[in-house]
Amino acid sequence: MVGYNAISNIGVELFNDFFGLFGLENIIAFQVDQLPIWSQFLILFVVADFIQWNVHVLLHKIPWLWEFHKVHHSVKEMSFNAHFRFHFMETVFYKTAQYIPIAMIGFGIQEFFVVHMFTVFVGHLNHANLNWNYGPLKYLFNNPQMHIWHHSKELPEHKPYGMNFGISLSIWDYIFNTAYIPNNGRNIELGFHGDEHYPDRFFSQAKAPFVKKKKN
């Protein structure tokens, strides 16, 4: 996070310098610190989650990104620690896409850290082996019953790249028609097609996306 903070600060300065060439001020950053603290965290939470939702969709749709995301989808049983099975490159993809635009808006690393830790907690909860959906709030918040379908091995024909991409919020999936919860999902198989041949050791999974696949 310290590294991203430094990089994003450089990006903000370059952005300001560019507009300064035309006699313009930064048209993105605004005085967020003048807003009530609750609204600062709310804006940051919603913006960061929407960025993550878009990155998550790309991890499924773009083949070379999917090779990294396969590590996370290699889990065969939901549990809170499944949230921490992911390729280290995913952090690069997510946080670069998140933090630089957020810094452009005017948020600092302190606010980002608080929101990040909250989303980690929500992620643990969504990967837990719980049959929860939060009732009417399920249309706003991601939940374990919804997220288990994201890990389903079998995908519906009308959603070939997957479904339920929400991180903390489910509302994006309902808005963009990627929500899919036909039942509670307690008996579905998790994983992806071909996962029986996927490496099951840490370093093998870490290098798997970088290994060129042999053609038959």
C-alpha atoms as a PDB file:
ATOM      1  CA  MET A   1       0.000   0.000   0.000  1.00  0.00           C
ATOM      2  CA  VAL A   2       2.902   2.356   0.709  1.00  0.00           C
ATOM      3  CA  GLY A   3       4.201   1.638  -2.776  1.00  0.00           C
ATOM      4  CA  TYR A   4       0.815   2.305  -4.357  1.00  0.00           C
ATOM      5  CA  ASN A   5       0.500   5.503  -2.353  1.00  0.00           C
ATOM      6  CA  ALA A   6       3.829   6.763  -3.727  1.00  0.00           C
ATOM      7  CA  ILE A   7       2.997   5.742  -7.296  1.00  0.00           C
ATOM      8  CA  SER A   8      -0.462   7.281  -7.168  1.00  0.00           C
ATOM      9  CA  ASN A   9       0.900  10.565  -5.776  1.00  0.00           C
ATOM     10  CA  ILE A  10       3.244  10.764  -8.766  1.00  0.00           C
ATOM     11  CA  GLY A  11       0.299  10.035 -11.049  1.00  0.00           C
ATOM     12  CA  VAL A  12      -1.761  12.809  -9.480  1.00  0.00           C
ATOM     13  CA  GLU A  13       1.073  15.303  -9.906  1.00  0.00           C
ATOM     14  CA  LEU A  14       1.555  14.336 -13.550  1.00  0.00           C
ATOM     15  CA  PHE A  15      -2.193  14.683 -14.063  1.00  0.00           C
ATOM     16  CA  ASN A  16      -2.137  18.170 -12.530  1.00  0.00           C
ATOM     17  CA  ASP A  17       0.901  19.194 -14.599  1.00  0.00           C
ATOM     18  CA  PHE A  18      -0.784  18.045 -17.797  1.00  0.00           C
ATOM     19  CA  PHE A  19      -3.864  20.189 -17.195  1.00  0.00           C
ATOM     20  CA  GLY A  20      -1.622  23.016 -16.066  1.00  0.00           C
ATOM     21  CA  LEU A  21      -0.248  23.189 -19.618  1.00  0.00           C
ATOM     22  CA  PHE A  22      -3.714  24.337 -20.700  1.00  0.00           C
ATOM     23  CA  GLY A  23      -4.273  26.634 -17.752  1.00  0.00           C
ATOM     24  CA  LEU A  24      -6.693  24.182 -16.149  1.00  0.00           C
ATOM     25  CA  GLU A  25      -6.836  22.864 -12.615  1.00  0.00           C
ATOM     26  CA  ASN A  26      -7.269  19.210 -11.745  1.00  0.00           C
ATOM     27  CA  ILE A  27     -10.848  18.452 -12.797  1.00  0.00           C
ATOM     28  CA  ILE A  28     -11.051  15.192 -10.843  1.00  0.00           C
ATOM     29  CA  ALA A  29      -9.702  15.819  -7.354  1.00  0.00           C
ATOM     30  CA  PHE A  30     -11.963  17.681  -4.969  1.00  0.00           C
ATOM     31  CA  GLN A  31     -11.842  18.515  -1.298  1.00  0.00           C
ATOM     32  CA  VAL A  32     -13.159  15.230   0.045  1.00  0.00           C
ATOM     33  CA  ASP A  33     -11.721  16.055   3.451  1.00  0.00           C
ATOM     34  CA  GLN A  34     -14.351  18.800   3.707  1.00  0.00           C
ATOM     35  CA  LEU A  35     -17.144  16.222   3.595  1.00  0.00           C
ATOM     36  CA  PRO A  36     -18.513  14.494   6.705  1.00  0.00           C
ATOM     37  CA  ILE A  37     -16.329  11.521   7.598  1.00  0.00           C
ATOM     38  CA  TRP A  38     -19.154   9.008   7.076  1.00  0.00           C
ATOM     39  CA  SER A  39     -19.732  10.265   3.533  1.00  0.00           C
ATOM     40  CA  GLN A  40     -16.007  10.074   2.771  1.00  0.00           C
ATOM     41  CA  PHE A  41     -15.909   6.383   3.662  1.00  0.00           C
ATOM     42  CA  LEU A  42     -19.213   5.710   1.868  1.00  0.00           C
ATOM     43  CA  ILE A  43     -17.979   7.298  -1.377  1.00  0.00           C
ATOM     44  CA  LEU A  44     -14.660   5.486  -1.150  1.00  0.00           C
ATOM     45  CA  PHE A  45     -16.344   2.154  -0.397  1.00  0.00           C
ATOM     46  CA  VAL A  46     -18.773   2.376  -3.332  1.00  0.00           C
ATOM     47  CA  VAL A  47     -16.193   3.622  -5.855  1.00  0.00           C
ATOM     48  CA  ALA A  48     -13.598   1.039  -4.791  1.00  0.00           C
ATOM     49  CA  ASP A  49     -16.137  -1.787  -4.923  1.00  0.00           C
ATOM     50  CA  PHE A  50     -17.348  -0.822  -8.401  1.00  0.00           C
ATOM     51  CA  ILE A  51     -13.755  -0.772  -9.661  1.00  0.00           C
ATOM     52  CA  GLN A  52     -13.163  -4.200  -8.121  1.00  0.00           C
ATOM     53  CA  TRP A  53     -16.342  -5.545  -9.708  1.00  0.00           C
ATOM     54  CA  ASN A  54     -15.119  -4.465 -13.154  1.00  0.00           C
ATOM     55  CA  VAL A  55     -11.655  -5.939 -12.593  1.00  0.00           C
ATOM     56  CA  HIS A  56     -13.264  -9.184 -11.422  1.00  0.00           C
ATOM     57  CA  VAL A  57     -15.317  -9.402 -14.614  1.00  0.00           C
ATOM     58  CA  LEU A  58     -12.163  -8.902 -16.684  1.00  0.00           C
ATOM     59  CA  LEU A  59     -10.397 -11.668 -14.741  1.00  0.00           C
ATOM     60  CA  HIS A  60     -13.044 -14.033 -16.077  1.00  0.00           C
ATOM     61  CA  LYS A  61     -13.438 -12.688 -19.606  1.00  0.00           C
ATOM     62  CA  ILE A  62      -9.824 -12.109 -20.673  1.00  0.00           C
ATOM     63  CA  PRO A  63      -8.049 -15.471 -21.145  1.00  0.00           C
ATOM     64  CA  TRP A  64      -4.598 -14.477 -19.858  1.00  0.00           C
ATOM     65  CA  LEU A  65      -6.107 -12.840 -16.774  1.00  0.00           C
ATOM     66  CA  TRP A  66      -8.232 -15.936 -16.179  1.00  0.00           C
ATOM     67  CA  GLU A  67      -5.029 -17.999 -15.935  1.00  0.00           C
ATOM     68  CA  PHE A  68      -4.134 -16.016 -12.805  1.00  0.00           C
ATOM     69  CA  HIS A  69      -7.662 -16.118 -11.413  1.00  0.00           C
ATOM     70  CA  LYS A  70      -7.791 -19.914 -11.757  1.00  0.00           C
ATOM     71  CA  VAL A  71      -5.782 -20.182  -8.542  1.00  0.00           C
ATOM     72  CA  HIS A  72      -8.692 -18.739  -6.600  1.00  0.00           C
ATOM     73  CA  HIS A  73     -11.234 -20.919  -8.389  1.00  0.00           C
ATOM     74  CA  SER A  74      -9.257 -24.069  -7.695  1.00  0.00           C
ATOM     75  CA  VAL A  75     -10.840 -24.267  -4.234  1.00  0.00           C
ATOM     76  CA  LYS A  76     -13.138 -27.261  -3.942  1.00  0.00           C
ATOM     77  CA  GLU A  77     -14.788 -26.358  -0.638  1.00  0.00           C
ATOM     78  CA  MET A  78     -15.968 -23.000   0.639  1.00  0.00           C
ATOM     79  CA  SER A  79     -14.369 -21.756   3.849  1.00  0.00           C
ATOM     80  CA  PHE A  80     -13.209 -18.362   5.083  1.00  0.00           C
ATOM     81  CA  ASN A  81      -9.562 -19.164   4.240  1.00  0.00           C
ATOM     82  CA  ALA A  82     -10.547 -19.818   0.599  1.00  0.00           C
ATOM     83  CA  HIS A  83     -10.677 -16.030   0.351  1.00  0.00           C
ATOM     84  CA  PHE A  84      -6.890 -15.967   0.731  1.00  0.00           C
ATOM     85  CA  ARG A  85      -6.172 -18.467  -2.022  1.00  0.00           C
ATOM     86  CA  PHE A  86      -5.322 -16.225  -4.946  1.00  0.00           C
ATOM     87  CA  HIS A  87      -2.366 -15.519  -7.207  1.00  0.00           C
ATOM     88  CA  PHE A  88      -0.109 -12.670  -6.069  1.00  0.00           C
ATOM     89  CA  MET A  89      -0.611 -10.928  -9.431  1.00  0.00           C
ATOM     90  CA  GLU A  90      -4.277 -10.373  -8.604  1.00  0.00           C
ATOM     91  CA  THR A  91      -3.188  -7.855  -5.971  1.00  0.00           C
ATOM     92  CA  VAL A  92      -1.315  -5.957  -8.671  1.00  0.00           C
ATOM     93  CA  PHE A  93      -4.355  -5.933 -10.978  1.00  0.00           C
ATOM     94  CA  TYR A  94      -6.888  -4.989  -8.308  1.00  0.00           C
ATOM     95  CA  LYS A  95      -4.935  -2.412  -6.352  1.00  0.00           C
ATOM     96  CA  THR A  96      -3.459  -0.642  -9.370  1.00  0.00           C
ATOM     97  CA  ALA A  97      -6.927  -0.273 -10.888  1.00  0.00           C
ATOM     98  CA  GLN A  98      -8.311   0.824  -7.527  1.00  0.00           C
ATOM     99  CA  TYR A  99      -5.825   3.037  -5.823  1.00  0.00           C
ATOM    100  CA  ILE A 100      -4.639   5.352  -8.587  1.00  0.00           C
ATOM    101  CA  PRO A 101      -8.177   6.541  -9.536  1.00  0.00           C
ATOM    102  CA  ILE A 102      -9.064   6.805  -5.846  1.00  0.00           C
ATOM    103  CA  ALA A 103      -6.007   8.981  -5.245  1.00  0.00           C
ATOM    104  CA  MET A 104      -7.072  11.129  -8.204  1.00  0.00           C
ATOM    105  CA  ILE A 105     -10.366  11.756  -6.435  1.00  0.00           C
ATOM    106  CA  GLY A 106      -8.472  12.892  -3.384  1.00  0.00           C
ATOM    107  CA  PHE A 107      -8.486   9.995  -0.920  1.00  0.00           C
ATOM    108  CA  GLY A 108      -5.343   9.041   0.990  1.00  0.00           C
ATOM    109  CA  ILE A 109      -3.855   5.751   2.097  1.00  0.00           C
ATOM    110  CA  GLN A 110      -5.408   5.976   5.584  1.00  0.00           C
ATOM    111  CA  GLU A 111      -8.981   5.970   4.263  1.00  0.00           C
ATOM    112  CA  PHE A 112      -8.117   3.307   1.713  1.00  0.00           C
ATOM    113  CA  PHE A 113      -6.660   1.047   4.421  1.00  0.00           C
ATOM    114  CA  VAL A 114      -9.819   1.233   6.558  1.00  0.00           C
ATOM    115  CA  VAL A 115     -12.064   0.360   3.605  1.00  0.00           C
ATOM    116  CA  HIS A 116      -9.649  -2.363   2.484  1.00  0.00           C
ATOM    117  CA  MET A 117      -9.741  -4.099   5.881  1.00  0.00           C
ATOM    118  CA  PHE A 118     -13.544  -3.941   5.922  1.00  0.00           C
ATOM    119  CA  THR A 119     -13.751  -5.553   2.475  1.00  0.00           C
ATOM    120  CA  VAL A 120     -11.319  -8.281   3.600  1.00  0.00           C
ATOM    121  CA  PHE A 121     -13.713  -9.087   6.456  1.00  0.00           C
ATOM    122  CA  VAL A 122     -16.689  -9.173   4.058  1.00  0.00           C
ATOM    123  CA  GLY A 123     -14.690 -11.396   1.698  1.00  0.00           C
ATOM    124  CA  HIS A 124     -13.997 -13.851   4.523  1.00  0.00           C
ATOM    125  CA  LEU A 125     -17.692 -13.927   5.329  1.00  0.00           C
ATOM    126  CA  ASN A 126     -18.752 -14.481   1.716  1.00  0.00           C
ATOM    127  CA  HIS A 127     -16.383 -17.434   1.352  1.00  0.00           C
ATOM    128  CA  ALA A 128     -17.466 -18.988   4.645  1.00  0.00           C
ATOM    129  CA  ASN A 129     -19.514 -22.155   4.468  1.00  0.00           C
ATOM    130  CA  LEU A 130     -22.691 -20.379   5.550  1.00  0.00           C
ATOM    131  CA  ASN A 131     -26.179 -20.472   4.092  1.00  0.00           C
ATOM    132  CA  TRP A 132     -26.858 -16.742   4.539  1.00  0.00           C
ATOM    133  CA  ASN A 133     -28.424 -14.272   2.107  1.00  0.00           C
ATOM    134  CA  TYR A 134     -29.487 -11.304   4.358  1.00  0.00           C
ATOM    135  CA  GLY A 135     -33.107 -11.306   3.133  1.00  0.00           C
ATOM    136  CA  PRO A 136     -34.089  -8.131   1.232  1.00  0.00           C
ATOM    137  CA  LEU A 137     -30.567  -6.746   1.729  1.00  0.00           C
ATOM    138  CA  LYS A 138     -29.222  -9.462  -0.588  1.00  0.00           C
ATOM    139  CA  TYR A 139     -29.962  -7.119  -3.505  1.00  0.00           C
ATOM    140  CA  LEU A 140     -27.480  -4.650  -2.059  1.00  0.00           C
ATOM    141  CA  PHE A 141     -24.843  -6.752  -0.284  1.00  0.00           C
ATOM    142  CA  ASN A 142     -22.955  -9.779  -1.507  1.00  0.00           C
ATOM    143  CA  ASN A 143     -23.546 -12.817   0.688  1.00  0.00           C
ATOM    144  CA  PRO A 144     -22.360 -16.433   1.134  1.00  0.00           C
ATOM    145  CA  GLN A 145     -25.397 -17.924  -0.606  1.00  0.00           C
ATOM    146  CA  MET A 146     -24.805 -15.721  -3.646  1.00  0.00           C
ATOM    147  CA  HIS A 147     -21.043 -16.081  -3.792  1.00  0.00           C
ATOM    148  CA  ILE A 148     -20.999 -19.864  -3.702  1.00  0.00           C
ATOM    149  CA  TRP A 149     -22.580 -19.791  -7.167  1.00  0.00           C
ATOM    150  CA  HIS A 150     -19.676 -17.696  -8.395  1.00  0.00           C
ATOM    151  CA  HIS A 151     -17.476 -20.717  -7.635  1.00  0.00           C
ATOM    152  CA  SER A 152     -19.770 -23.199  -9.372  1.00  0.00           C
ATOM    153  CA  LYS A 153     -17.978 -25.567 -11.742  1.00  0.00           C
ATOM    154  CA  GLU A 154     -20.970 -25.706 -14.068  1.00  0.00           C
ATOM    155  CA  LEU A 155     -21.961 -22.390 -15.652  1.00  0.00           C
ATOM    156  CA  PRO A 156     -25.339 -21.615 -17.206  1.00  0.00           C
ATOM    157  CA  GLU A 157     -25.334 -21.299 -21.002  1.00  0.00           C
ATOM    158  CA  HIS A 158     -26.405 -17.661 -20.882  1.00  0.00           C
ATOM    159  CA  LYS A 159     -23.482 -16.775 -18.567  1.00  0.00           C
ATOM    160  CA  PRO A 160     -20.430 -18.460 -20.141  1.00  0.00           C
ATOM    161  CA  TYR A 161     -17.909 -16.297 -18.257  1.00  0.00           C
ATOM    162  CA  GLY A 162     -19.486 -16.702 -14.849  1.00  0.00           C
ATOM    163  CA  MET A 163     -21.856 -14.837 -12.562  1.00  0.00           C
ATOM    164  CA  ASN A 164     -22.092 -13.014  -9.238  1.00  0.00           C
ATOM    165  CA  PHE A 165     -18.895 -10.985  -9.593  1.00  0.00           C
ATOM    166  CA  GLY A 166     -19.678  -8.701  -6.645  1.00  0.00           C
ATOM    167  CA  ILE A 167     -17.010  -8.195  -4.001  1.00  0.00           C
ATOM    168  CA  SER A 168     -18.829  -6.500  -1.116  1.00  0.00           C
ATOM    169  CA  LEU A 169     -21.903  -5.236  -2.982  1.00  0.00           C
ATOM    170  CA  SER A 170     -24.257  -7.371  -5.033  1.00  0.00           C
ATOM    171  CA  ILE A 171     -26.076  -4.446  -6.600  1.00  0.00           C
ATOM    172  CA  TRP A 172     -23.703  -4.300  -9.595  1.00  0.00           C
ATOM    173  CA  ASP A 173     -24.651  -7.859 -10.570  1.00  0.00           C
ATOM    174  CA  TYR A 174     -28.337  -7.011 -10.455  1.00  0.00           C
ATOM    175  CA  ILE A 175     -27.811  -3.810 -12.438  1.00  0.00           C
ATOM    176  CA  PHE A 176     -25.695  -5.468 -15.149  1.00  0.00           C
ATOM    177  CA  ASN A 177     -27.635  -8.745 -15.237  1.00  0.00           C
ATOM    178  CA  THR A 178     -24.836 -10.989 -13.972  1.00  0.00           C
ATOM    179  CA  ALA A 179     -26.704 -12.202 -10.880  1.00  0.00           C
ATOM    180  CA  TYR A 180     -27.613 -15.896 -10.763  1.00  0.00           C
ATOM    181  CA  ILE A 181     -28.886 -17.726  -7.654  1.00  0.00           C
ATOM    182  CA  PRO A 182     -31.254 -20.546  -8.698  1.00  0.00           C
ATOM    183  CA  ASN A 183     -31.155 -22.132  -5.215  1.00  0.00           C
ATOM    184  CA  ASN A 184     -29.012 -22.111  -2.062  1.00  0.00           C
ATOM    185  CA  GLY A 185     -26.155 -23.908  -3.841  1.00  0.00           C
ATOM    186  CA  ARG A 186     -25.399 -26.272  -0.977  1.00  0.00           C
ATOM    187  CA  ASN A 187     -24.877 -29.287  -3.227  1.00  0.00           C
ATOM    188  CA  ILE A 188     -23.071 -27.837  -6.244  1.00  0.00           C
ATOM    189  CA  GLU A 189     -19.545 -28.809  -7.295  1.00  0.00           C
ATOM    190  CA  LEU A 190     -16.977 -26.036  -7.062  1.00  0.00           C
ATOM    191  CA  GLY A 191     -14.030 -25.372  -9.360  1.00  0.00           C
ATOM    192  CA  PHE A 192     -13.622 -25.141 -13.126  1.00  0.00           C
ATOM    193  CA  HIS A 193     -13.473 -27.578 -16.011  1.00  0.00           C
ATOM    194  CA  GLY A 194     -10.100 -29.281 -16.107  1.00  0.00           C
ATOM    195  CA  ASP A 195      -9.287 -28.510 -12.478  1.00  0.00           C
ATOM    196  CA  GLU A 196      -8.485 -32.175 -11.885  1.00  0.00           C
ATOM    197  CA  HIS A 197      -5.254 -31.516 -13.797  1.00  0.00           C
ATOM    198  CA  TYR A 198      -4.506 -28.217 -12.068  1.00  0.00           C
ATOM    199  CA  PRO A 199      -1.449 -28.181  -9.751  1.00  0.00           C
ATOM    200  CA  ASP A 200      -2.231 -28.387  -6.057  1.00  0.00           C
ATOM    201  CA  ARG A 201       0.998 -27.051  -4.554  1.00  0.00           C
ATOM    202  CA  PHE A 202       1.758 -23.420  -3.737  1.00  0.00           C
ATOM    203  CA  PHE A 203       4.743 -22.766  -6.015  1.00  0.00           C
ATOM    204  CA  SER A 204       3.259 -24.817  -8.846  1.00  0.00           C
ATOM    205  CA  GLN A 205       0.108 -22.695  -8.751  1.00  0.00           C
ATOM    206  CA  ALA A 206       2.163 -19.493  -8.546  1.00  0.00           C
ATOM    207  CA  LYS A 207       4.060 -20.302 -11.745  1.00  0.00           C
ATOM    208  CA  ALA A 208       1.169 -21.968 -13.604  1.00  0.00           C
ATOM    209  CA  PRO A 209      -0.058 -18.759 -15.383  1.00  0.00           C
ATOM    210  CA  PHE A 210       3.454 -18.133 -16.708  1.00  0.00           C
ATOM    211  CA  VAL A 211       3.889 -21.636 -18.163  1.00  0.00           C
ATOM    212  CA  LYS A 212       3.052 -21.918 -21.828  1.00  0.00           C
ATOM    213  CA  LYS A 213       0.393 -24.569 -22.433  1.00  0.00           C
ATOM    214  CA  LYS A 214       1.361 -27.422 -24.728  1.00  0.00           C
ATOM    215  CA  LYS A 215      -0.849 -27.911 -27.741  1.00  0.00           C
ATOM    216  CA  ASN A 216      -2.208 -31.382 -28.343  1.00  0.00           C
END
